[in-house]
Every structure is written in C-alpha cells, then in structure tokens.
C-alpha cells in the first residue's frame, strides 16, 4: 500500500484547483486520480467561450481554462494517474482503485478531497409514454459526440429541459446545421443562466416553451417525433393542449446529479436537497479529513466559482494534514421561506480567518424582494434583489468581525422576504 498526504479523487477543474492550492500550501505528497484518459474533466468538451472572466479576467474556452491548471500541475510536478477508477474507500482513508497498467491499487491518505463532479439525469429516469428509439440522449452526450467525436446526433432536434447544457447544445446544433424546433421546459422558468437563454436561444430564434413537457415519444427504431403539451400547476398535461413535433433527435437537459457513490461508501452525510455532502465552512464533510468541492458538493453555474471553492478545499485539507485543525463548535445553517439550500450547511466559528462565502439557490422566481440573513433572531443582512431565480446561484460574503459581534450564535437562517 502506497502512502500520500493528500489524494484528490477527480481531475476536473475542482480537483486540479484543490491540488494546486494544497501544493502551494506546503503539501508535497499529492496524488490525483482521474478515470478519464486526460485531465480536465467536463471542460474538455465545453469548446464554447465564457470561462475565466473572474479567475483570469479574460474569456476562455473550456479546454483553454482547464489547460491553465493542467500546466500548473505539471509545473508543480503533482503526481496523477489517468484511466484510474476508484471503486472503494473506507473511513481509515484507504483507497482502492484499478487501472489497465498497474491493475489493483491500494493507497493510504492522510486527507482526501472528493471532486468527482456530477452526471446528467438519464432518459431512464423519465416516465414518458412510448418506445425508446435511437436519437434520444442527454445533452452532455450529444456535446461529447459533436465536440470530441465529430459526430452529428441528428438534423431535427427538440430539447427537453432548459438546463445550461441543453441551452448551449441548442446553439451548437444550430451551428452544425441542425434545425432546433424548440426547447421545452416543464417549469414556468428556466433552470439555466439568463445569459445562456439570450445568447443561445434568443439570438438564434429558437423557441423556449415554459410550462410544457414531452408527453409521448414516437418511432420504433429511430425517433420520428414527439408530442408535447402544456402542464398545469400540478405539472400534469392539460388535455387538448397537445401538439406533435416531427424530429429525429431529443436531447435531455433535465437536471444534474452529484456523483456521490464513493461518498456513500466512506460514510459521508449527504444533503437530501443538493445530493452532495453536508460540509462546514472549511468544506470538511462529516468524516474527519475528507473534504468535498465543485459539482460533487452542489451543482455550480460558473467554473470560476468551482475554482474558488476548490482553493478553499485544498487550503483546509492542508491545514488538516499539518495538524492545524481547530476545535469544532458547529452552528447549523438553513435556508427557509424561499431559500432552497445554503452551502456550507454548518459553520465552525473557530476556523474563520477573514470571511465566509455562503452560496445558495432559491426555490422559485422572486421579484423586488430581499435576501435576509438572521443570526438567531437578529437580522444581520437585508439585501435588496430585483430578481431571484432558481437557475442563478447567489452568494453572500460575511466578514469575520460580524461573527465576532455575535459569538454565541445557535443558528443562522437565510430567507427571502418581500419588499
């Protein structure tokens, strides 16, 4: 069994950033385990621009963004293993993995950073009447076919769900000569970023149909078309609103799920709302010495935020390895009255150095309202917001001196309040 101070599971943008910061914090014995053939994660197939505006102050494509970190990993001589699948971890931080060159690997770590990313909700999770002909796939699969493999999934396309990948692929398929008939969204609002709706749909006259869904699939060997219908407040199709759209491709953009099978194996407590680990402000999970960051923790909008969060994971994992972990006095953090979730879910006052960034999402669309933060019954922050939507992650930074004024806090609550 080989020993390392830090093992990072996942070599995407989160894992790379965490490993780099750990190295810069004085940890030399670091290993990154990546199941794909190259480092970079999902960014390798995100060839559109829009990355890096916060981190590098310039607009980069996904591969350009990830290459900045891959180059730094090489410069720092951080060890990594590709085509390596981790299949088990225990609470003693023993990691079991396999790859085609070395076979079975047994690795012992002082600390672990979980950065496995997320996956798309598959078509098998959808209860749509009809057969399952070819031509139905997730938007991410289509992105890989087009951008990496050079294959076109089809010529006439309907997108179900308005997640960011679906919006981006609607534009990408249009670029490649396909006709995107419509983007159909079950909810009365989009789950994607506003800028993607404008740049990917509005700029190319692609219809976005809210409160609609696909209610039947047509075709046996190859998709021939879909029937869509308007849904009511109960999200059931309203009879008489159905219409048929001929198409040979249905792309699914119906949600992302954090990849937490390994987290379950090690005994990490998971949130029923985010699907990711429950962490404190150091990003440490319920298992001491195991940290989580990136989309395996909760689904992010911007990779720049993934990077900042992962820097924190790398820094705090380094403190744990060096034995600098502070005594814990955890305070519960919750989202209520419109706030769907807040990350981190716990706060350790003893570990705050300068400030804490809280990231959260609301559960509906709210206009002309306030985001309020309460320390017990004390209103600490009351920030006016013109609009809040579930598709846009929000964040609030609270400085250390604010916590110092209320050092006997029992709970922290985030809520939406009408103006």
Protein backbone atom coordinates (compact mmCIF):
# COMPACT_ATOMS: atom_id res chain seq x y z
CA UNK A 1 0.00 0.00 0.00
CA UNK A 2 1.39 3.38 -1.07
CA UNK A 3 1.07 6.40 1.25
CA UNK A 4 0.24 10.01 0.32
CA UNK A 5 -0.53 13.07 2.39
CA UNK A 6 -3.40 14.07 0.09
CA UNK A 7 -5.37 12.13 -2.51
CA UNK A 8 -7.69 14.07 -4.81
CA UNK A 9 -10.37 11.96 -6.49
CA UNK A 10 -11.29 13.58 -9.79
CA UNK A 11 -9.02 15.50 -12.15
CA UNK A 12 -11.53 18.05 -13.41
CA UNK A 13 -11.47 21.80 -12.64
CA UNK A 14 -12.29 21.25 -8.94
CA UNK A 15 -9.69 18.56 -8.31
CA UNK A 16 -6.97 20.40 -10.22
CA UNK A 17 -7.53 23.66 -8.35
CA UNK A 18 -7.64 21.90 -4.96
CA UNK A 19 -4.40 20.01 -5.65
CA UNK A 20 -2.61 23.17 -6.80
CA UNK A 21 -3.60 25.13 -3.71
CA UNK A 22 -2.57 22.23 -1.46
CA UNK A 23 0.84 22.21 -3.15
CA UNK A 24 1.17 25.97 -2.69
CA UNK A 25 0.24 25.45 0.98
CA UNK A 26 3.27 23.22 1.51
CA UNK A 27 1.91 19.71 0.87
CA UNK A 28 4.33 17.77 -1.35
CA UNK A 29 2.88 14.25 -1.33
CA UNK A 30 -0.23 14.67 -3.52
CA UNK A 31 -1.91 12.23 -5.91
CA UNK A 32 -4.76 12.99 -8.33
CA UNK A 33 -6.84 10.02 -9.51
CA UNK A 34 -8.75 10.55 -12.77
CA UNK A 35 -10.90 7.93 -14.53
CA UNK A 36 -10.71 9.52 -18.00
CA UNK A 37 -7.78 9.41 -20.40
CA UNK A 38 -6.87 13.08 -19.84
CA UNK A 39 -7.13 15.66 -17.08
CA UNK A 40 -9.62 18.50 -17.37
CA UNK A 41 -12.97 16.83 -16.72
CA UNK A 42 -16.11 18.08 -18.44
CA UNK A 43 -14.36 21.24 -19.65
CA UNK A 44 -12.63 19.24 -22.38
CA UNK A 45 -15.92 19.06 -24.31
CA UNK A 46 -17.05 22.62 -23.49
CA UNK A 47 -15.46 24.31 -26.50
CA UNK A 48 -17.62 27.43 -26.22
CA UNK A 49 -16.17 30.53 -24.57
CA UNK A 50 -17.28 32.35 -21.43
CA UNK A 51 -14.94 30.73 -18.92
CA UNK A 52 -12.34 32.51 -16.80
CA UNK A 53 -13.77 36.01 -16.65
CA UNK A 54 -13.49 36.05 -12.84
CA UNK A 55 -10.41 33.86 -12.36
CA UNK A 56 -8.20 35.11 -15.21
CA UNK A 57 -10.00 38.32 -16.22
CA UNK A 58 -10.25 37.07 -19.79
CA UNK A 59 -12.68 34.99 -21.81
CA UNK A 60 -11.54 31.43 -22.46
CA UNK A 61 -12.99 28.22 -23.85
CA UNK A 62 -13.39 25.25 -21.52
CA UNK A 63 -10.23 23.45 -22.75
CA UNK A 64 -8.22 26.69 -22.52
CA UNK A 65 -9.41 27.20 -18.95
CA UNK A 66 -8.57 23.69 -17.81
CA UNK A 67 -5.18 23.78 -19.58
CA UNK A 68 -4.10 26.65 -17.32
CA UNK A 69 -4.48 24.30 -14.34
CA UNK A 70 -3.08 21.25 -16.12
CA UNK A 71 0.05 23.27 -16.93
CA UNK A 72 0.35 24.29 -13.28
CA UNK A 73 0.02 20.65 -12.16
CA UNK A 74 2.89 19.82 -14.49
CA UNK A 75 4.96 22.75 -13.28
CA UNK A 76 4.47 21.70 -9.65
CA UNK A 77 5.19 18.05 -10.52
CA UNK A 78 1.97 16.90 -8.84
CA UNK A 79 1.54 13.17 -9.42
CA UNK A 80 -1.57 11.95 -11.20
CA UNK A 81 -2.89 8.69 -12.59
CA UNK A 82 -5.22 8.56 -15.61
CA UNK A 83 -7.72 5.87 -16.60
CA UNK A 84 -7.87 5.05 -12.90
CA UNK A 85 -11.24 4.14 -11.42
CA UNK A 86 -11.67 4.40 -7.67
CA UNK A 87 -14.17 1.77 -6.57
CA UNK A 88 -13.92 1.82 -2.77
CA UNK A 89 -12.83 3.97 0.19
CA UNK A 90 -13.07 3.27 3.90
CA UNK A 91 -13.13 5.55 6.94
CA UNK A 92 -9.42 4.93 7.58
CA UNK A 93 -8.87 6.69 4.20
CA UNK A 94 -7.72 3.55 2.44
CA UNK A 95 -8.47 3.96 -1.26
CA UNK A 96 -8.89 1.07 -3.69
CA UNK A 97 -8.63 1.77 -7.41
CA UNK A 98 -7.84 -0.01 -10.66
CA UNK A 99 -6.26 0.96 -13.95
CA UNK A 100 -5.15 -1.03 -17.04
CA UNK A 101 -1.42 -0.50 -16.43
CA UNK A 102 -0.95 -1.17 -12.71
CA UNK A 103 -4.02 -3.26 -12.01
CA UNK A 104 -5.28 -3.04 -8.43
CA UNK A 105 -4.04 -0.02 -6.46
CA UNK A 106 -4.17 0.26 -2.67
CA UNK A 107 -3.49 3.79 -1.44
CA UNK A 108 -3.41 5.28 2.05
CA UNK A 109 -4.13 9.00 2.50
CA UNK A 110 -3.93 11.40 5.43
CA UNK A 111 -6.64 13.52 3.81
CA UNK A 112 -8.96 13.09 0.82
CA UNK A 113 -10.62 15.67 -1.41
CA UNK A 114 -13.73 14.47 -3.23
CA UNK A 115 -14.10 16.22 -6.58
CA UNK A 116 -15.90 13.67 -8.78
CA UNK A 117 -18.22 16.19 -10.42
CA UNK A 118 -21.78 15.40 -11.45
CA UNK A 119 -23.69 13.45 -14.07
CA UNK A 120 -26.84 14.10 -16.06
CA UNK A 121 -30.18 12.60 -15.16
CA UNK A 122 -30.62 9.82 -17.77
CA UNK A 123 -33.57 9.11 -20.04
CA UNK A 124 -34.38 6.02 -17.96
CA UNK A 125 -35.40 8.37 -15.14
CA UNK A 126 -38.18 9.89 -17.28
CA UNK A 127 -41.67 8.42 -17.35
CA UNK A 128 -42.67 9.38 -20.89
CA UNK A 129 -45.02 7.01 -22.79
CA UNK A 130 -43.64 5.47 -25.97
CA UNK A 131 -40.73 3.31 -27.03
CA UNK A 132 -37.07 4.20 -26.65
CA UNK A 133 -35.78 4.52 -30.22
CA UNK A 134 -32.33 5.78 -31.13
CA UNK A 135 -32.00 9.56 -31.22
CA UNK A 136 -32.77 10.13 -27.53
CA UNK A 137 -29.77 11.14 -25.43
CA UNK A 138 -28.64 13.57 -22.78
CA UNK A 139 -27.41 16.98 -23.90
CA UNK A 140 -23.97 16.22 -22.45
CA UNK A 141 -23.70 13.03 -24.51
CA UNK A 142 -24.60 15.00 -27.63
CA UNK A 143 -21.97 17.59 -26.70
CA UNK A 144 -19.33 14.86 -26.50
CA UNK A 145 -20.42 13.35 -29.83
CA UNK A 146 -20.24 16.70 -31.63
CA UNK A 147 -17.27 18.40 -29.94
CA UNK A 148 -14.99 15.42 -29.23
CA UNK A 149 -16.01 12.61 -31.59
CA UNK A 150 -17.11 14.73 -34.55
CA UNK A 151 -20.49 13.01 -34.98
CA UNK A 152 -23.86 14.71 -35.51
CA UNK A 153 -26.65 13.13 -33.43
CA UNK A 154 -29.37 14.28 -35.82
CA UNK A 155 -30.81 17.01 -38.02
CA UNK A 156 -34.16 17.96 -36.43
CA UNK A 157 -33.92 18.50 -32.70
CA UNK A 158 -36.16 19.07 -29.68
CA UNK A 159 -34.52 19.83 -26.32
CA UNK A 160 -36.37 18.79 -23.16
CA UNK A 161 -35.31 20.94 -20.20
CA UNK A 162 -33.64 24.34 -20.14
CA UNK A 163 -30.53 23.49 -18.16
CA UNK A 164 -27.36 25.27 -19.26
CA UNK A 165 -26.02 22.27 -21.20
CA UNK A 166 -29.31 21.99 -23.08
CA UNK A 167 -29.29 25.70 -23.96
CA UNK A 168 -25.69 25.57 -25.11
CA UNK A 169 -26.33 22.46 -27.21
CA UNK A 170 -29.35 24.06 -28.85
CA UNK A 171 -26.98 26.72 -30.18
CA UNK A 172 -24.25 24.20 -31.00
CA UNK A 173 -26.59 22.00 -33.03
CA UNK A 174 -27.75 25.12 -34.89
CA UNK A 175 -24.12 25.99 -35.68
CA UNK A 176 -23.66 22.50 -37.15
CA UNK A 177 -26.65 22.84 -39.48
CA UNK A 178 -29.40 21.15 -37.48
CA UNK A 179 -32.86 22.67 -37.01
CA UNK A 180 -33.75 23.04 -33.34
CA UNK A 181 -37.54 23.03 -33.28
CA UNK A 182 -37.99 24.02 -29.62
CA UNK A 183 -36.63 23.93 -26.09
CA UNK A 184 -39.41 22.58 -23.86
CA UNK A 185 -39.35 23.34 -20.12
CA UNK A 186 -41.68 21.74 -17.55
CA UNK A 187 -41.32 24.63 -15.09
CA UNK A 188 -42.61 28.19 -15.61
CA UNK A 189 -39.00 29.42 -15.51
CA UNK A 190 -35.64 28.32 -16.87
CA UNK A 191 -33.13 26.33 -14.84
CA UNK A 192 -30.29 27.85 -16.88
CA UNK A 193 -28.44 31.14 -16.75
CA UNK A 194 -30.19 34.18 -18.23
CA UNK A 195 -27.18 34.92 -20.43
CA UNK A 196 -27.44 31.45 -21.99
CA UNK A 197 -31.12 31.98 -22.78
CA UNK A 198 -30.24 35.21 -24.57
CA UNK A 199 -27.06 34.07 -26.33
CA UNK A 200 -28.11 30.51 -27.19
CA UNK A 201 -31.85 30.79 -27.89
CA UNK A 202 -32.98 34.36 -28.43
CA UNK A 203 -30.08 35.21 -30.74
CA UNK A 204 -30.99 32.25 -32.97
CA UNK A 205 -34.80 32.47 -32.79
CA UNK A 206 -35.12 29.12 -31.01
CA UNK A 207 -38.48 28.91 -29.19
CA UNK A 208 -38.44 28.34 -25.42
CA UNK A 209 -41.74 26.91 -24.23
CA UNK A 210 -42.30 27.21 -20.47
CA UNK A 211 -44.82 25.01 -18.63
CA UNK A 212 -44.62 22.37 -21.36
CA UNK A 213 -43.27 18.84 -21.49
CA UNK A 214 -42.87 15.88 -23.81
CA UNK A 215 -45.82 13.58 -23.19
CA UNK A 216 -45.26 10.94 -25.88
CA UNK A 217 -42.37 9.59 -27.95
CA UNK A 218 -42.96 8.35 -31.50
CA UNK A 219 -40.84 5.93 -33.52
CA UNK A 220 -39.55 2.42 -33.06
CA UNK A 221 -36.03 2.10 -34.49
CA UNK A 222 -35.35 5.83 -34.87
CA UNK A 223 -37.14 8.75 -33.25
CA UNK A 224 -39.74 10.18 -35.60
CA UNK A 225 -41.30 12.85 -33.44
CA UNK A 226 -42.59 13.87 -30.02
CA UNK A 227 -45.91 15.06 -28.68
CA UNK A 228 -45.67 17.99 -26.30
CA UNK A 229 -48.33 19.52 -24.10
CA UNK A 230 -48.87 22.37 -21.69
CA UNK A 231 -48.84 21.49 -17.99
CA UNK A 232 -50.86 22.94 -15.12
CA UNK A 233 -49.74 23.83 -11.63
CA UNK A 234 -49.81 20.11 -10.79
CA UNK A 235 -47.31 19.56 -13.65
CA UNK A 236 -49.73 17.26 -15.45
CA UNK A 237 -50.51 17.75 -19.14
CA UNK A 238 -53.67 19.76 -19.79
CA UNK A 239 -55.88 17.79 -22.18
CA UNK A 240 -56.38 19.49 -25.52
CA UNK A 241 -53.05 21.34 -25.48
CA UNK A 242 -51.04 18.52 -27.11
CA UNK A 243 -49.19 19.12 -30.38
CA UNK A 244 -46.89 16.94 -32.48
CA UNK A 245 -43.37 17.99 -33.46
CA UNK A 246 -41.55 15.87 -36.06
CA UNK A 247 -37.89 15.34 -35.10
CA UNK A 248 -35.14 12.71 -35.21
CA UNK A 249 -33.35 13.80 -32.01
CA UNK A 250 -34.50 14.50 -28.45
CA UNK A 251 -31.86 15.98 -26.16
CA UNK A 252 -32.47 15.75 -22.41
CA UNK A 253 -31.32 18.55 -20.12
CA UNK A 254 -33.38 17.64 -17.07
CA UNK A 255 -31.01 18.01 -14.16
CA UNK A 256 -27.56 17.16 -12.83
CA UNK A 257 -26.79 14.74 -10.01
CA UNK A 258 -23.60 14.96 -7.92
CA UNK A 259 -21.52 11.76 -8.27
CA UNK A 260 -21.52 10.66 -4.65
CA UNK A 261 -21.35 6.87 -4.77
CA UNK A 262 -17.85 6.98 -3.25
CA UNK A 263 -19.02 9.48 -0.63
CA UNK A 264 -21.65 6.99 0.49
CA UNK A 265 -19.07 4.22 0.71
CA UNK A 266 -16.93 6.23 3.10
CA UNK A 267 -19.96 7.19 5.21
CA UNK A 268 -20.24 10.89 4.35
CA UNK A 269 -23.54 12.51 5.37
CA UNK A 270 -25.33 13.76 2.25
CA UNK A 271 -27.90 16.52 1.78
CA UNK A 272 -31.30 15.39 0.53
CA UNK A 273 -31.65 18.69 -1.33
CA UNK A 274 -28.29 19.15 -3.10
CA UNK A 275 -27.39 15.46 -3.32
CA UNK A 276 -23.88 16.46 -2.19
CA UNK A 277 -22.04 16.25 1.09
CA UNK A 278 -23.01 18.24 4.15
CA UNK A 279 -19.95 20.38 4.91
CA UNK A 280 -18.79 23.11 7.25
CA UNK A 281 -17.11 26.32 6.14
CA UNK A 282 -13.77 24.51 5.71
CA UNK A 283 -15.55 22.16 3.25
CA UNK A 284 -14.83 19.22 5.55
CA UNK A 285 -17.52 16.53 5.45
CA UNK A 286 -18.91 14.54 8.37
CA UNK A 287 -15.88 12.21 8.03
CA UNK A 288 -12.77 13.92 9.52
CA UNK A 289 -10.09 14.60 6.92
CA UNK A 290 -12.44 14.15 3.96
CA UNK A 291 -13.29 17.33 2.06
CA UNK A 292 -15.58 17.99 -0.93
CA UNK A 293 -15.67 20.71 -3.58
CA UNK A 294 -17.07 21.50 -7.01
CA UNK A 295 -20.12 19.89 -8.56
CA UNK A 296 -19.86 16.81 -6.36
CA UNK A 297 -20.76 19.13 -3.48
CA UNK A 298 -23.51 21.08 -5.25
CA UNK A 299 -24.13 21.99 -8.88
CA UNK A 300 -22.50 25.31 -9.83
CA UNK A 301 -23.30 27.79 -12.59
CA UNK A 302 -19.77 29.06 -13.16
CA UNK A 303 -16.49 27.16 -13.21
CA UNK A 304 -14.84 30.24 -11.70
CA UNK A 305 -16.84 29.62 -8.52
CA UNK A 306 -15.81 25.96 -8.61
CA UNK A 307 -12.19 27.10 -8.68
CA UNK A 308 -12.55 29.48 -5.72
CA UNK A 309 -14.36 26.85 -3.68
CA UNK A 310 -11.74 24.22 -4.54
CA UNK A 311 -8.92 26.53 -3.50
CA UNK A 312 -10.55 26.59 -0.06
CA UNK A 313 -10.77 22.80 -0.01
CA UNK A 314 -7.09 22.50 -0.87
CA UNK A 315 -6.06 25.05 1.74
CA UNK A 316 -8.15 23.49 4.51
CA UNK A 317 -7.10 19.94 3.67
CA UNK A 318 -3.50 21.15 4.01
CA UNK A 319 -4.24 22.53 7.47
CA UNK A 320 -5.73 19.19 8.47
CA UNK A 321 -2.66 17.30 7.22
CA UNK A 322 -0.38 19.63 9.18
CA UNK A 323 -2.42 19.09 12.34
CA UNK A 324 -3.68 22.66 12.44
CA UNK A 325 -7.37 21.81 12.59
CA UNK A 326 -9.22 23.96 15.11
CA UNK A 327 -11.59 22.82 17.84
CA UNK A 328 -15.10 22.46 16.44
CA UNK A 329 -18.20 24.30 17.59
CA UNK A 330 -20.60 23.82 14.72
CA UNK A 331 -23.58 26.09 14.07
CA UNK A 332 -26.45 24.90 11.87
CA UNK A 333 -27.18 26.92 8.71
CA UNK A 334 -30.51 26.59 6.94
CA UNK A 335 -32.49 28.06 4.08
CA UNK A 336 -36.16 28.84 4.81
CA UNK A 337 -39.03 30.84 3.28
CA UNK A 338 -37.91 30.57 -0.35
CA UNK A 339 -34.24 29.70 0.06
CA UNK A 340 -33.91 26.09 -1.12
CA UNK A 341 -30.45 25.37 0.26
CA UNK A 342 -27.29 27.01 1.56
CA UNK A 343 -23.71 25.70 1.32
CA UNK A 344 -21.95 25.31 3.71
CA UNK A 345 -24.62 23.78 5.93
CA UNK A 346 -22.57 24.19 9.10
CA UNK A 347 -20.26 26.87 10.45
CA UNK A 348 -17.28 26.49 12.76
CA UNK A 349 -16.58 29.91 14.27
CA UNK A 350 -13.10 28.81 15.35
CA UNK A 351 -11.91 28.38 11.74
CA UNK A 352 -12.95 31.74 10.25
CA UNK A 353 -9.89 33.66 9.08
CA UNK A 354 -11.29 36.63 7.16
CA UNK A 355 -14.79 35.88 5.87
CA UNK A 356 -17.18 33.12 4.85
CA UNK A 357 -18.88 32.88 1.46
CA UNK A 358 -22.35 31.34 1.56
CA UNK A 359 -23.71 30.08 -1.77
CA UNK A 360 -27.41 29.35 -2.13
CA UNK A 361 -30.32 28.90 -4.50
CA UNK A 362 -33.93 29.93 -4.20
CA UNK A 363 -36.83 27.62 -4.98
CA UNK A 364 -38.92 29.93 -7.19
CA UNK A 365 -38.79 33.20 -9.08
CA UNK A 366 -38.97 36.25 -6.80
CA UNK A 367 -39.08 39.89 -7.92
CA UNK A 368 -38.44 43.04 -5.90
CA UNK A 369 -37.51 41.24 -2.72
CA UNK A 370 -34.76 40.99 -0.12
CA UNK A 371 -32.38 38.25 0.89
CA UNK A 372 -32.21 38.32 4.67
CA UNK A 373 -29.68 36.61 6.92
CA UNK A 374 -30.55 36.04 10.59
CA UNK A 375 -28.21 35.09 13.42
CA UNK A 376 -30.81 33.54 15.71
CA UNK A 377 -33.44 36.32 15.84
CA UNK A 378 -31.04 39.11 14.84
CA UNK A 379 -31.34 40.46 11.30
CA UNK A 380 -27.74 40.81 10.08
CA UNK A 381 -28.09 41.27 6.31
CA UNK A 382 -31.09 42.61 4.40
CA UNK A 383 -30.02 42.87 0.76
CA UNK A 384 -32.39 44.12 -1.93
CA UNK A 385 -32.68 41.97 -5.06
CA UNK A 386 -34.52 42.95 -8.22
CA UNK A 387 -34.98 39.31 -9.21
CA UNK A 388 -34.04 35.90 -7.84
CA UNK A 389 -34.36 32.73 -9.93
CA UNK A 390 -33.55 29.05 -9.21
CA UNK A 391 -31.24 28.95 -12.22
CA UNK A 392 -28.88 31.57 -10.82
CA UNK A 393 -26.74 30.73 -7.81
CA UNK A 394 -26.49 33.56 -5.30
CA UNK A 395 -23.76 34.25 -2.80
CA UNK A 396 -23.26 36.40 0.28
CA UNK A 397 -19.94 37.06 1.98
CA UNK A 398 -19.97 37.66 5.73
CA UNK A 399 -16.83 39.06 7.34
CA UNK A 400 -15.26 37.69 10.49
CA UNK A 401 -15.93 40.79 12.59
CA UNK A 402 -19.66 40.28 12.00
CA UNK A 403 -19.43 36.83 13.56
CA UNK A 404 -17.27 38.20 16.38
CA UNK A 405 -20.12 40.50 17.43
CA UNK A 406 -22.43 37.51 17.83
CA UNK A 407 -20.16 34.82 19.25
CA UNK A 408 -22.99 32.96 20.96
CA UNK A 409 -24.95 32.16 17.77
CA UNK A 410 -27.01 28.98 17.82
CA UNK A 411 -28.29 29.00 14.24
CA UNK A 412 -28.06 31.01 11.01
CA UNK A 413 -31.02 31.33 8.63
CA UNK A 414 -31.32 32.62 5.07
CA UNK A 415 -34.74 33.63 3.79
CA UNK A 416 -36.47 35.56 1.01
CA UNK A 417 -38.55 38.50 2.24
CA UNK A 418 -40.87 40.63 0.19
CA UNK A 419 -40.04 44.31 -0.12
